[in-house]
Amino acid sequence: MAELQSLPPQRSWQWRHFLALLAANAALALGPWWVRMADSGPVSAGFWRCFLPLPLLFAFARFSGQPVSGFPRRTLLIVLAAGLFFGVDIASWHIGIGMTRLGNATLFGNAGSLIVMIWGFVALRRRPHWPEALAILAAIAGAAILFGRSLEISTRTLAGDLFSLFAGVCYAFYLIPLQTARGTLGNWSLLAWSSLASTPLLLVIALALGEPIWPTTWWPVIGLALSSQVLGQGLLVYSLKHFRPLVIGLMLLTQPVIGVLAGWLAFGEAVGGVDLLGMALVASALVIARASEKSA
């Protein structure tokens, strides 16, 4: 893992990169809504999410001039391993989505953001500066408020929360290798190969669980594939090259905010003043992180 510790302390970014990262998290946060709409099994929906866009992803890579073969063996193994972690993440998260609130699922599903942030400082072999520490504390406080407000732990939601939490840990081990590989490979080729690794794993898990594979209504799984995998993951992988892990981790915490709003709008899950305070803290963390990068 020596190459993971060779990342430069600063990344070159412009506002289009920041907007791409924000749009990626907005699209990904709406994933649970598509999963609930799908009439296939939840893991089966994850299979279609990764399988349907494959021709599109490889075509985008080819037309963008990005290599789709001939990678160094080590790089390919890193990308495939990331894809397997992503497959486990999707399977666990999609199961959790059906067993808990959207806000819970999105919050726990992004618990890996803390792992990503911590890994960033370990890789740089330094402690966070005070603005970075302040941003992390604000983000954790905001997430904790949303956690306490939306968690409502009970026997009805606990299993779904645990599935979502496990998914969040797996998601961190998907992002960290991809951020390393993104330094040398294009976003579409990375996403295409990682999705290819995820697809058979998700199909095997869905069959093992006895889920229906073939949907009777296709628009939810097509929407999930295009919004979450092509748009969401495409923009996220595109952004990885331009931001430090701190910023990636903080930005992941915007997803619970969007998840809470989606749950309110689509399923009538209540949003109160405490939720708004949590959202404001997460937003302030991003502002502090931006100021920290610019001053550095």
C-alpha atoms as a PDB file:
ATOM      1  CA  MET A   1       0.000   0.000   0.000  1.00  0.00           C
ATOM      2  CA  ALA A   2       3.021   2.265  -0.313  1.00  0.00           C
ATOM      3  CA  GLU A   3       1.510   4.121  -3.241  1.00  0.00           C
ATOM      4  CA  LEU A   4      -1.432   5.130  -1.060  1.00  0.00           C
ATOM      5  CA  GLN A   5       0.968   7.239   1.015  1.00  0.00           C
ATOM      6  CA  SER A   6       2.448   9.115  -1.927  1.00  0.00           C
ATOM      7  CA  LEU A   7      -0.541  11.385  -2.525  1.00  0.00           C
ATOM      8  CA  PRO A   8       0.318  15.089  -2.724  1.00  0.00           C
ATOM      9  CA  PRO A   9      -0.977  17.183   0.179  1.00  0.00           C
ATOM     10  CA  GLN A  10      -2.868  19.533  -2.149  1.00  0.00           C
ATOM     11  CA  ARG A  11      -5.065  18.919  -5.154  1.00  0.00           C
ATOM     12  CA  SER A  12      -5.700  21.180  -8.086  1.00  0.00           C
ATOM     13  CA  TRP A  13      -9.392  21.970  -8.318  1.00  0.00           C
ATOM     14  CA  GLN A  14     -11.658  24.476  -9.961  1.00  0.00           C
ATOM     15  CA  TRP A  15     -15.312  25.255  -9.307  1.00  0.00           C
ATOM     16  CA  ARG A  16     -16.447  22.835 -12.000  1.00  0.00           C
ATOM     17  CA  HIS A  17     -14.754  20.042 -10.031  1.00  0.00           C
ATOM     18  CA  PHE A  18     -16.495  21.151  -6.835  1.00  0.00           C
ATOM     19  CA  LEU A  19     -19.875  21.350  -8.581  1.00  0.00           C
ATOM     20  CA  ALA A  20     -19.268  17.912 -10.105  1.00  0.00           C
ATOM     21  CA  LEU A  21     -18.588  16.481  -6.640  1.00  0.00           C
ATOM     22  CA  LEU A  22     -21.691  18.157  -5.225  1.00  0.00           C
ATOM     23  CA  ALA A  23     -23.851  16.905  -8.115  1.00  0.00           C
ATOM     24  CA  ALA A  24     -22.436  13.399  -7.682  1.00  0.00           C
ATOM     25  CA  ASN A  25     -23.498  13.272  -4.045  1.00  0.00           C
ATOM     26  CA  ALA A  26     -26.925  14.704  -4.879  1.00  0.00           C
ATOM     27  CA  ALA A  27     -27.498  11.971  -7.478  1.00  0.00           C
ATOM     28  CA  LEU A  28     -26.192   9.245  -5.179  1.00  0.00           C
ATOM     29  CA  ALA A  29     -28.344  10.414  -2.273  1.00  0.00           C
ATOM     30  CA  LEU A  30     -31.466   9.798  -4.382  1.00  0.00           C
ATOM     31  CA  GLY A  31     -30.479   6.161  -4.950  1.00  0.00           C
ATOM     32  CA  PRO A  32     -32.612   4.829  -2.056  1.00  0.00           C
ATOM     33  CA  TRP A  33     -35.688   6.403  -3.633  1.00  0.00           C
ATOM     34  CA  TRP A  34     -35.123   4.431  -6.854  1.00  0.00           C
ATOM     35  CA  VAL A  35     -34.481   1.228  -4.901  1.00  0.00           C
ATOM     36  CA  ARG A  36     -37.789   1.570  -3.051  1.00  0.00           C
ATOM     37  CA  MET A  37     -39.592   2.123  -6.332  1.00  0.00           C
ATOM     38  CA  ALA A  38     -38.099  -0.998  -7.959  1.00  0.00           C
ATOM     39  CA  ASP A  39     -40.263  -4.137  -7.950  1.00  0.00           C
ATOM     40  CA  SER A  40     -37.280  -6.478  -8.210  1.00  0.00           C
ATOM     41  CA  GLY A  41     -35.431  -7.463  -5.058  1.00  0.00           C
ATOM     42  CA  PRO A  42     -33.177  -4.791  -3.514  1.00  0.00           C
ATOM     43  CA  VAL A  43     -29.929  -6.606  -4.346  1.00  0.00           C
ATOM     44  CA  SER A  44     -31.318  -7.390  -7.816  1.00  0.00           C
ATOM     45  CA  ALA A  45     -31.831  -3.650  -8.289  1.00  0.00           C
ATOM     46  CA  GLY A  46     -28.154  -3.212  -7.419  1.00  0.00           C
ATOM     47  CA  PHE A  47     -27.259  -5.816 -10.043  1.00  0.00           C
ATOM     48  CA  TRP A  48     -29.194  -3.911 -12.716  1.00  0.00           C
ATOM     49  CA  ARG A  49     -27.640  -0.655 -11.487  1.00  0.00           C
ATOM     50  CA  CYS A  50     -24.164  -1.987 -12.285  1.00  0.00           C
ATOM     51  CA  PHE A  51     -25.013  -4.193 -15.284  1.00  0.00           C
ATOM     52  CA  LEU A  52     -27.166  -1.910 -17.440  1.00  0.00           C
ATOM     53  CA  PRO A  53     -24.629   0.940 -17.792  1.00  0.00           C
ATOM     54  CA  LEU A  54     -21.656  -1.305 -18.669  1.00  0.00           C
ATOM     55  CA  PRO A  55     -21.812  -0.788 -22.479  1.00  0.00           C
ATOM     56  CA  LEU A  56     -22.257   2.939 -21.896  1.00  0.00           C
ATOM     57  CA  LEU A  57     -19.331   3.169 -19.478  1.00  0.00           C
ATOM     58  CA  PHE A  58     -16.920   1.300 -21.747  1.00  0.00           C
ATOM     59  CA  ALA A  59     -18.106   3.397 -24.718  1.00  0.00           C
ATOM     60  CA  PHE A  60     -17.542   6.631 -22.769  1.00  0.00           C
ATOM     61  CA  ALA A  61     -14.060   5.445 -21.843  1.00  0.00           C
ATOM     62  CA  ARG A  62     -13.240   4.545 -25.459  1.00  0.00           C
ATOM     63  CA  PHE A  63     -14.596   7.785 -26.942  1.00  0.00           C
ATOM     64  CA  SER A  64     -12.785   9.823 -24.267  1.00  0.00           C
ATOM     65  CA  GLY A  65      -9.475   8.274 -25.249  1.00  0.00           C
ATOM     66  CA  GLN A  66      -9.142   6.479 -21.909  1.00  0.00           C
ATOM     67  CA  PRO A  67      -7.522   3.036 -21.885  1.00  0.00           C
ATOM     68  CA  VAL A  68      -9.901   0.129 -21.366  1.00  0.00           C
ATOM     69  CA  SER A  69      -7.193  -2.540 -21.429  1.00  0.00           C
ATOM     70  CA  GLY A  70      -3.468  -2.941 -20.987  1.00  0.00           C
ATOM     71  CA  PHE A  71      -3.386  -1.609 -17.417  1.00  0.00           C
ATOM     72  CA  PRO A  72      -0.499  -2.577 -15.160  1.00  0.00           C
ATOM     73  CA  ARG A  73      -1.543  -5.756 -13.385  1.00  0.00           C
ATOM     74  CA  ARG A  74      -1.310  -4.128  -9.955  1.00  0.00           C
ATOM     75  CA  THR A  75      -3.573  -1.265 -11.007  1.00  0.00           C
ATOM     76  CA  LEU A  76      -6.158  -3.636 -12.478  1.00  0.00           C
ATOM     77  CA  LEU A  77      -6.184  -5.734  -9.307  1.00  0.00           C
ATOM     78  CA  ILE A  78      -6.710  -2.587  -7.207  1.00  0.00           C
ATOM     79  CA  VAL A  79      -9.658  -1.521  -9.375  1.00  0.00           C
ATOM     80  CA  LEU A  80     -11.227  -4.992  -9.357  1.00  0.00           C
ATOM     81  CA  ALA A  81     -10.837  -5.248  -5.574  1.00  0.00           C
ATOM     82  CA  ALA A  82     -12.501  -1.846  -5.235  1.00  0.00           C
ATOM     83  CA  GLY A  83     -15.339  -3.136  -7.408  1.00  0.00           C
ATOM     84  CA  LEU A  84     -15.859  -6.149  -5.143  1.00  0.00           C
ATOM     85  CA  PHE A  85     -16.066  -3.886  -2.099  1.00  0.00           C
ATOM     86  CA  PHE A  86     -18.556  -1.767  -4.031  1.00  0.00           C
ATOM     87  CA  GLY A  87     -20.660  -4.839  -4.782  1.00  0.00           C
ATOM     88  CA  VAL A  88     -20.810  -5.777  -1.090  1.00  0.00           C
ATOM     89  CA  ASP A  89     -21.578  -2.140  -0.252  1.00  0.00           C
ATOM     90  CA  ILE A  90     -24.490  -2.012  -2.713  1.00  0.00           C
ATOM     91  CA  ALA A  91     -25.914  -5.365  -1.588  1.00  0.00           C
ATOM     92  CA  SER A  92     -25.802  -4.464   2.095  1.00  0.00           C
ATOM     93  CA  TRP A  93     -27.054  -0.917   1.554  1.00  0.00           C
ATOM     94  CA  HIS A  94     -29.966  -1.895  -0.673  1.00  0.00           C
ATOM     95  CA  ILE A  95     -31.086  -4.454   1.902  1.00  0.00           C
ATOM     96  CA  GLY A  96     -30.872  -1.796   4.607  1.00  0.00           C
ATOM     97  CA  ILE A  97     -32.863   0.723   2.554  1.00  0.00           C
ATOM     98  CA  GLY A  98     -35.948  -1.469   2.733  1.00  0.00           C
ATOM     99  CA  MET A  99     -35.637  -1.940   6.499  1.00  0.00           C
ATOM    100  CA  THR A 100     -35.135   1.606   7.784  1.00  0.00           C
ATOM    101  CA  ARG A 101     -35.829   5.269   6.996  1.00  0.00           C
ATOM    102  CA  LEU A 102     -34.201   6.914   3.987  1.00  0.00           C
ATOM    103  CA  GLY A 103     -32.382   9.352   6.283  1.00  0.00           C
ATOM    104  CA  ASN A 104     -31.020   6.479   8.367  1.00  0.00           C
ATOM    105  CA  ALA A 105     -29.937   4.460   5.338  1.00  0.00           C
ATOM    106  CA  THR A 106     -28.197   7.412   3.701  1.00  0.00           C
ATOM    107  CA  LEU A 107     -26.499   8.523   6.913  1.00  0.00           C
ATOM    108  CA  PHE A 108     -25.203   5.092   7.883  1.00  0.00           C
ATOM    109  CA  GLY A 109     -24.360   4.295   4.263  1.00  0.00           C
ATOM    110  CA  ASN A 110     -21.932   7.223   4.332  1.00  0.00           C
ATOM    111  CA  ALA A 111     -20.312   6.310   7.649  1.00  0.00           C
ATOM    112  CA  GLY A 112     -17.236   5.457   5.603  1.00  0.00           C
ATOM    113  CA  SER A 113     -16.688   9.190   5.085  1.00  0.00           C
ATOM    114  CA  LEU A 114     -14.961   9.285   8.484  1.00  0.00           C
ATOM    115  CA  ILE A 115     -12.648   6.453   7.404  1.00  0.00           C
ATOM    116  CA  VAL A 116     -11.818   8.343   4.206  1.00  0.00           C
ATOM    117  CA  MET A 117     -11.004  11.530   6.135  1.00  0.00           C
ATOM    118  CA  ILE A 118      -8.836   9.728   8.696  1.00  0.00           C
ATOM    119  CA  TRP A 119      -7.040   7.809   5.964  1.00  0.00           C
ATOM    120  CA  GLY A 120      -6.198  11.095   4.247  1.00  0.00           C
ATOM    121  CA  PHE A 121      -4.237  12.349   7.250  1.00  0.00           C
ATOM    122  CA  VAL A 122      -2.588   8.963   7.800  1.00  0.00           C
ATOM    123  CA  ALA A 123      -1.477   8.947   4.155  1.00  0.00           C
ATOM    124  CA  LEU A 124      -0.030  12.458   4.534  1.00  0.00           C
ATOM    125  CA  ARG A 125       1.524  11.539   7.888  1.00  0.00           C
ATOM    126  CA  ARG A 126       0.353  14.664   9.661  1.00  0.00           C
ATOM    127  CA  ARG A 127      -2.293  15.880  12.053  1.00  0.00           C
ATOM    128  CA  PRO A 128      -5.175  18.042  10.817  1.00  0.00           C
ATOM    129  CA  HIS A 129      -4.646  21.808  11.017  1.00  0.00           C
ATOM    130  CA  TRP A 130      -7.148  23.669  13.186  1.00  0.00           C
ATOM    131  CA  PRO A 131      -9.461  24.730  10.307  1.00  0.00           C
ATOM    132  CA  GLU A 132      -9.511  21.117   9.109  1.00  0.00           C
ATOM    133  CA  ALA A 133     -10.222  19.860  12.625  1.00  0.00           C
ATOM    134  CA  LEU A 134     -12.997  22.442  12.954  1.00  0.00           C
ATOM    135  CA  ALA A 135     -14.523  21.312   9.659  1.00  0.00           C
ATOM    136  CA  ILE A 136     -14.427  17.676  10.767  1.00  0.00           C
ATOM    137  CA  LEU A 137     -16.019  18.508  14.129  1.00  0.00           C
ATOM    138  CA  ALA A 138     -18.764  20.558  12.455  1.00  0.00           C
ATOM    139  CA  ALA A 139     -19.469  17.756   9.987  1.00  0.00           C
ATOM    140  CA  ILE A 140     -19.563  15.112  12.717  1.00  0.00           C
ATOM    141  CA  ALA A 141     -21.819  17.306  14.859  1.00  0.00           C
ATOM    142  CA  GLY A 142     -24.203  17.868  11.952  1.00  0.00           C
ATOM    143  CA  ALA A 143     -24.239  14.186  11.083  1.00  0.00           C
ATOM    144  CA  ALA A 144     -24.774  13.287  14.750  1.00  0.00           C
ATOM    145  CA  ILE A 145     -27.765  15.619  14.933  1.00  0.00           C
ATOM    146  CA  LEU A 146     -29.266  14.043  11.828  1.00  0.00           C
ATOM    147  CA  PHE A 147     -28.374  10.664  13.292  1.00  0.00           C
ATOM    148  CA  GLY A 148     -30.156  11.370  16.564  1.00  0.00           C
ATOM    149  CA  ARG A 149     -33.138  12.940  14.824  1.00  0.00           C
ATOM    150  CA  SER A 150     -33.700  10.289  12.197  1.00  0.00           C
ATOM    151  CA  LEU A 151     -32.329   7.163  13.815  1.00  0.00           C
ATOM    152  CA  GLU A 152     -35.261   6.307  16.085  1.00  0.00           C
ATOM    153  CA  ILE A 153     -33.552   3.030  16.975  1.00  0.00           C
ATOM    154  CA  SER A 154     -36.037   0.239  17.479  1.00  0.00           C
ATOM    155  CA  THR A 155     -36.346  -3.408  16.620  1.00  0.00           C
ATOM    156  CA  ARG A 156     -38.076  -2.227  13.454  1.00  0.00           C
ATOM    157  CA  THR A 157     -35.122  -0.204  12.126  1.00  0.00           C
ATOM    158  CA  LEU A 158     -32.039  -1.601  13.881  1.00  0.00           C
ATOM    159  CA  ALA A 159     -31.327  -4.366  11.364  1.00  0.00           C
ATOM    160  CA  GLY A 160     -31.597  -1.928   8.457  1.00  0.00           C
ATOM    161  CA  ASP A 161     -29.314   0.519  10.251  1.00  0.00           C
ATOM    162  CA  LEU A 162     -26.677  -2.186  10.768  1.00  0.00           C
ATOM    163  CA  PHE A 163     -26.818  -3.260   7.114  1.00  0.00           C
ATOM    164  CA  SER A 164     -26.401   0.394   6.082  1.00  0.00           C
ATOM    165  CA  LEU A 165     -23.507   0.901   8.508  1.00  0.00           C
ATOM    166  CA  PHE A 166     -21.669  -2.132   7.126  1.00  0.00           C
ATOM    167  CA  ALA A 167     -22.272  -0.770   3.631  1.00  0.00           C
ATOM    168  CA  GLY A 168     -20.676   2.536   4.652  1.00  0.00           C
ATOM    169  CA  VAL A 169     -17.506   0.785   5.797  1.00  0.00           C
ATOM    170  CA  CYS A 170     -17.289  -1.144   2.511  1.00  0.00           C
ATOM    171  CA  TYR A 171     -17.828   2.101   0.576  1.00  0.00           C
ATOM    172  CA  ALA A 172     -14.700   3.600   2.141  1.00  0.00           C
ATOM    173  CA  PHE A 173     -12.664   0.628   0.918  1.00  0.00           C
ATOM    174  CA  TYR A 174     -14.114   1.235  -2.544  1.00  0.00           C
ATOM    175  CA  LEU A 175     -13.191   4.920  -2.665  1.00  0.00           C
ATOM    176  CA  ILE A 176      -9.671   4.731  -1.233  1.00  0.00           C
ATOM    177  CA  PRO A 177      -8.221   2.378  -3.896  1.00  0.00           C
ATOM    178  CA  LEU A 178     -10.038   4.235  -6.676  1.00  0.00           C
ATOM    179  CA  GLN A 179      -8.562   7.557  -5.546  1.00  0.00           C
ATOM    180  CA  THR A 180      -5.111   6.011  -5.874  1.00  0.00           C
ATOM    181  CA  ALA A 181      -5.828   4.563  -9.324  1.00  0.00           C
ATOM    182  CA  ARG A 182      -7.496   7.806 -10.461  1.00  0.00           C
ATOM    183  CA  GLY A 183      -4.078   9.473 -10.518  1.00  0.00           C
ATOM    184  CA  THR A 184      -3.156   7.480 -13.621  1.00  0.00           C
ATOM    185  CA  LEU A 185      -6.409   6.221 -15.165  1.00  0.00           C
ATOM    186  CA  GLY A 186      -9.490   7.953 -16.520  1.00  0.00           C
ATOM    187  CA  ASN A 187     -12.748   8.112 -14.605  1.00  0.00           C
ATOM    188  CA  TRP A 188     -14.824   6.162 -17.134  1.00  0.00           C
ATOM    189  CA  SER A 189     -12.349   3.286 -17.463  1.00  0.00           C
ATOM    190  CA  LEU A 190     -12.105   3.016 -13.672  1.00  0.00           C
ATOM    191  CA  LEU A 191     -15.871   3.035 -13.263  1.00  0.00           C
ATOM    192  CA  ALA A 192     -16.395   0.544 -16.093  1.00  0.00           C
ATOM    193  CA  TRP A 193     -13.983  -2.025 -14.654  1.00  0.00           C
ATOM    194  CA  SER A 194     -15.101  -1.602 -11.053  1.00  0.00           C
ATOM    195  CA  SER A 195     -18.745  -1.991 -12.157  1.00  0.00           C
ATOM    196  CA  LEU A 196     -17.796  -5.101 -14.126  1.00  0.00           C
ATOM    197  CA  ALA A 197     -16.317  -6.595 -10.947  1.00  0.00           C
ATOM    198  CA  SER A 198     -19.433  -5.703  -8.922  1.00  0.00           C
ATOM    199  CA  THR A 199     -22.001  -7.129 -11.355  1.00  0.00           C
ATOM    200  CA  PRO A 200     -21.499 -10.921 -10.998  1.00  0.00           C
ATOM    201  CA  LEU A 201     -21.120 -10.627  -7.217  1.00  0.00           C
ATOM    202  CA  LEU A 202     -24.448  -8.805  -6.925  1.00  0.00           C
ATOM    203  CA  LEU A 203     -26.168 -11.379  -9.151  1.00  0.00           C
ATOM    204  CA  VAL A 204     -24.840 -14.265  -7.030  1.00  0.00           C
ATOM    205  CA  ILE A 205     -25.997 -12.588  -3.799  1.00  0.00           C
ATOM    206  CA  ALA A 206     -29.446 -11.841  -5.245  1.00  0.00           C
ATOM    207  CA  LEU A 207     -29.861 -15.462  -6.401  1.00  0.00           C
ATOM    208  CA  ALA A 208     -28.637 -16.779  -3.036  1.00  0.00           C
ATOM    209  CA  LEU A 209     -31.253 -14.637  -1.275  1.00  0.00           C
ATOM    210  CA  GLY A 210     -33.966 -15.960  -3.598  1.00  0.00           C
ATOM    211  CA  GLU A 211     -34.856 -12.495  -4.893  1.00  0.00           C
ATOM    212  CA  PRO A 212     -36.786 -11.938  -8.119  1.00  0.00           C
ATOM    213  CA  ILE A 213     -34.231 -10.803 -10.681  1.00  0.00           C
ATOM    214  CA  TRP A 214     -36.331  -9.657 -13.632  1.00  0.00           C
ATOM    215  CA  PRO A 215     -38.349  -6.491 -12.881  1.00  0.00           C
ATOM    216  CA  THR A 216     -41.869  -6.089 -14.258  1.00  0.00           C
ATOM    217  CA  THR A 217     -41.480  -2.296 -14.336  1.00  0.00           C
ATOM    218  CA  TRP A 218     -38.172  -1.174 -15.801  1.00  0.00           C
ATOM    219  CA  TRP A 219     -38.116   2.572 -15.223  1.00  0.00           C
ATOM    220  CA  PRO A 220     -36.946   2.441 -11.561  1.00  0.00           C
ATOM    221  CA  VAL A 221     -33.897   0.245 -12.287  1.00  0.00           C
ATOM    222  CA  ILE A 222     -33.081   2.244 -15.433  1.00  0.00           C
ATOM    223  CA  GLY A 223     -33.373   5.451 -13.411  1.00  0.00           C
ATOM    224  CA  LEU A 224     -31.165   3.932 -10.701  1.00  0.00           C
ATOM    225  CA  ALA A 225     -28.544   2.885 -13.258  1.00  0.00           C
ATOM    226  CA  LEU A 226     -28.427   6.255 -15.015  1.00  0.00           C
ATOM    227  CA  SER A 227     -28.675   8.524 -11.977  1.00  0.00           C
ATOM    228  CA  SER A 228     -26.617   6.615  -9.412  1.00  0.00           C
ATOM    229  CA  GLN A 229     -24.099   4.710 -11.503  1.00  0.00           C
ATOM    230  CA  VAL A 230     -23.556   6.805 -14.634  1.00  0.00           C
ATOM    231  CA  LEU A 231     -24.184  10.299 -13.272  1.00  0.00           C
ATOM    232  CA  GLY A 232     -23.460   9.871  -9.551  1.00  0.00           C
ATOM    233  CA  GLN A 233     -20.505   7.497  -9.639  1.00  0.00           C
ATOM    234  CA  GLY A 234     -19.249   8.981 -12.919  1.00  0.00           C
ATOM    235  CA  LEU A 235     -18.988  12.473 -11.427  1.00  0.00           C
ATOM    236  CA  LEU A 236     -17.646  11.135  -8.132  1.00  0.00           C
ATOM    237  CA  VAL A 237     -14.818   9.177  -9.759  1.00  0.00           C
ATOM    238  CA  TYR A 238     -14.111  12.189 -11.996  1.00  0.00           C
ATOM    239  CA  SER A 239     -13.740  14.341  -8.867  1.00  0.00           C
ATOM    240  CA  LEU A 240     -11.453  11.992  -6.937  1.00  0.00           C
ATOM    241  CA  LYS A 241      -8.350  13.218  -8.727  1.00  0.00           C
ATOM    242  CA  HIS A 242      -8.900  16.833  -7.726  1.00  0.00           C
ATOM    243  CA  PHE A 243      -9.655  16.709  -3.997  1.00  0.00           C
ATOM    244  CA  ARG A 244      -8.016  15.557  -0.821  1.00  0.00           C
ATOM    245  CA  PRO A 245      -9.688  12.750   1.146  1.00  0.00           C
ATOM    246  CA  LEU A 246     -10.817  15.327   3.739  1.00  0.00           C
ATOM    247  CA  VAL A 247     -12.973  17.112   1.168  1.00  0.00           C
ATOM    248  CA  ILE A 248     -14.268  13.844  -0.337  1.00  0.00           C
ATOM    249  CA  GLY A 249     -15.239  12.630   3.135  1.00  0.00           C
ATOM    250  CA  LEU A 250     -16.913  15.891   4.091  1.00  0.00           C
ATOM    251  CA  MET A 251     -18.829  16.014   0.836  1.00  0.00           C
ATOM    252  CA  LEU A 252     -20.152  12.490   1.405  1.00  0.00           C
ATOM    253  CA  LEU A 253     -21.884  13.869   4.487  1.00  0.00           C
ATOM    254  CA  THR A 254     -24.109  16.016   2.260  1.00  0.00           C
ATOM    255  CA  GLN A 255     -25.887  12.830   1.211  1.00  0.00           C
ATOM    256  CA  PRO A 256     -27.735  12.360   4.533  1.00  0.00           C
ATOM    257  CA  VAL A 257     -29.005  15.929   4.151  1.00  0.00           C
ATOM    258  CA  ILE A 258     -30.421  15.147   0.717  1.00  0.00           C
ATOM    259  CA  GLY A 259     -31.635  11.761   1.943  1.00  0.00           C
ATOM    260  CA  VAL A 260     -33.621  13.373   4.759  1.00  0.00           C
ATOM    261  CA  LEU A 261     -35.195  15.824   2.295  1.00  0.00           C
ATOM    262  CA  ALA A 262     -35.991  13.022  -0.163  1.00  0.00           C
ATOM    263  CA  GLY A 263     -37.599  10.982   2.595  1.00  0.00           C
ATOM    264  CA  TRP A 264     -39.702  13.994   3.554  1.00  0.00           C
ATOM    265  CA  LEU A 265     -40.803  14.823  -0.005  1.00  0.00           C
ATOM    266  CA  ALA A 266     -41.370  11.289  -1.300  1.00  0.00           C
ATOM    267  CA  PHE A 267     -42.453   9.323   1.753  1.00  0.00           C
ATOM    268  CA  GLY A 268     -43.632  11.910   4.284  1.00  0.00           C
ATOM    269  CA  GLU A 269     -40.781  11.262   6.740  1.00  0.00           C
ATOM    270  CA  ALA A 270     -40.838  14.240   9.104  1.00  0.00           C
ATOM    271  CA  VAL A 271     -38.219  17.037   8.966  1.00  0.00           C
ATOM    272  CA  GLY A 272     -37.942  19.508  11.844  1.00  0.00           C
ATOM    273  CA  GLY A 273     -35.814  22.407  13.006  1.00  0.00           C
ATOM    274  CA  VAL A 274     -33.217  20.056  14.481  1.00  0.00           C
ATOM    275  CA  ASP A 275     -32.761  18.461  11.055  1.00  0.00           C
ATOM    276  CA  LEU A 276     -32.156  21.908   9.557  1.00  0.00           C
ATOM    277  CA  LEU A 277     -29.495  22.615  12.212  1.00  0.00           C
ATOM    278  CA  GLY A 278     -27.701  19.403  11.288  1.00  0.00           C
ATOM    279  CA  MET A 279     -27.825  20.333   7.614  1.00  0.00           C
ATOM    280  CA  ALA A 280     -26.421  23.789   8.387  1.00  0.00           C
ATOM    281  CA  LEU A 281     -23.493  22.283  10.309  1.00  0.00           C
ATOM    282  CA  VAL A 282     -22.632  19.945   7.439  1.00  0.00           C
ATOM    283  CA  ALA A 283     -22.790  22.889   5.008  1.00  0.00           C
ATOM    284  CA  SER A 284     -20.573  25.011   7.273  1.00  0.00           C
ATOM    285  CA  ALA A 285     -18.032  22.192   7.396  1.00  0.00           C
ATOM    286  CA  LEU A 286     -17.738  22.334   3.615  1.00  0.00           C
ATOM    287  CA  VAL A 287     -17.265  26.110   3.694  1.00  0.00           C
ATOM    288  CA  ILE A 288     -14.512  25.774   6.316  1.00  0.00           C
ATOM    289  CA  ALA A 289     -12.807  23.045   4.287  1.00  0.00           C
ATOM    290  CA  ARG A 290     -12.890  25.231   1.146  1.00  0.00           C
ATOM    291  CA  ALA A 291     -11.358  28.161   3.074  1.00  0.00           C
ATOM    292  CA  SER A 292      -8.727  25.846   4.534  1.00  0.00           C
ATOM    293  CA  GLU A 293      -7.658  24.628   1.103  1.00  0.00           C
ATOM    294  CA  LYS A 294      -7.518  28.148  -0.356  1.00  0.00           C
ATOM    295  CA  SER A 295      -5.450  29.502   2.552  1.00  0.00           C
ATOM    296  CA  ALA A 296      -3.106  26.546   2.282  1.00  0.00           C
END
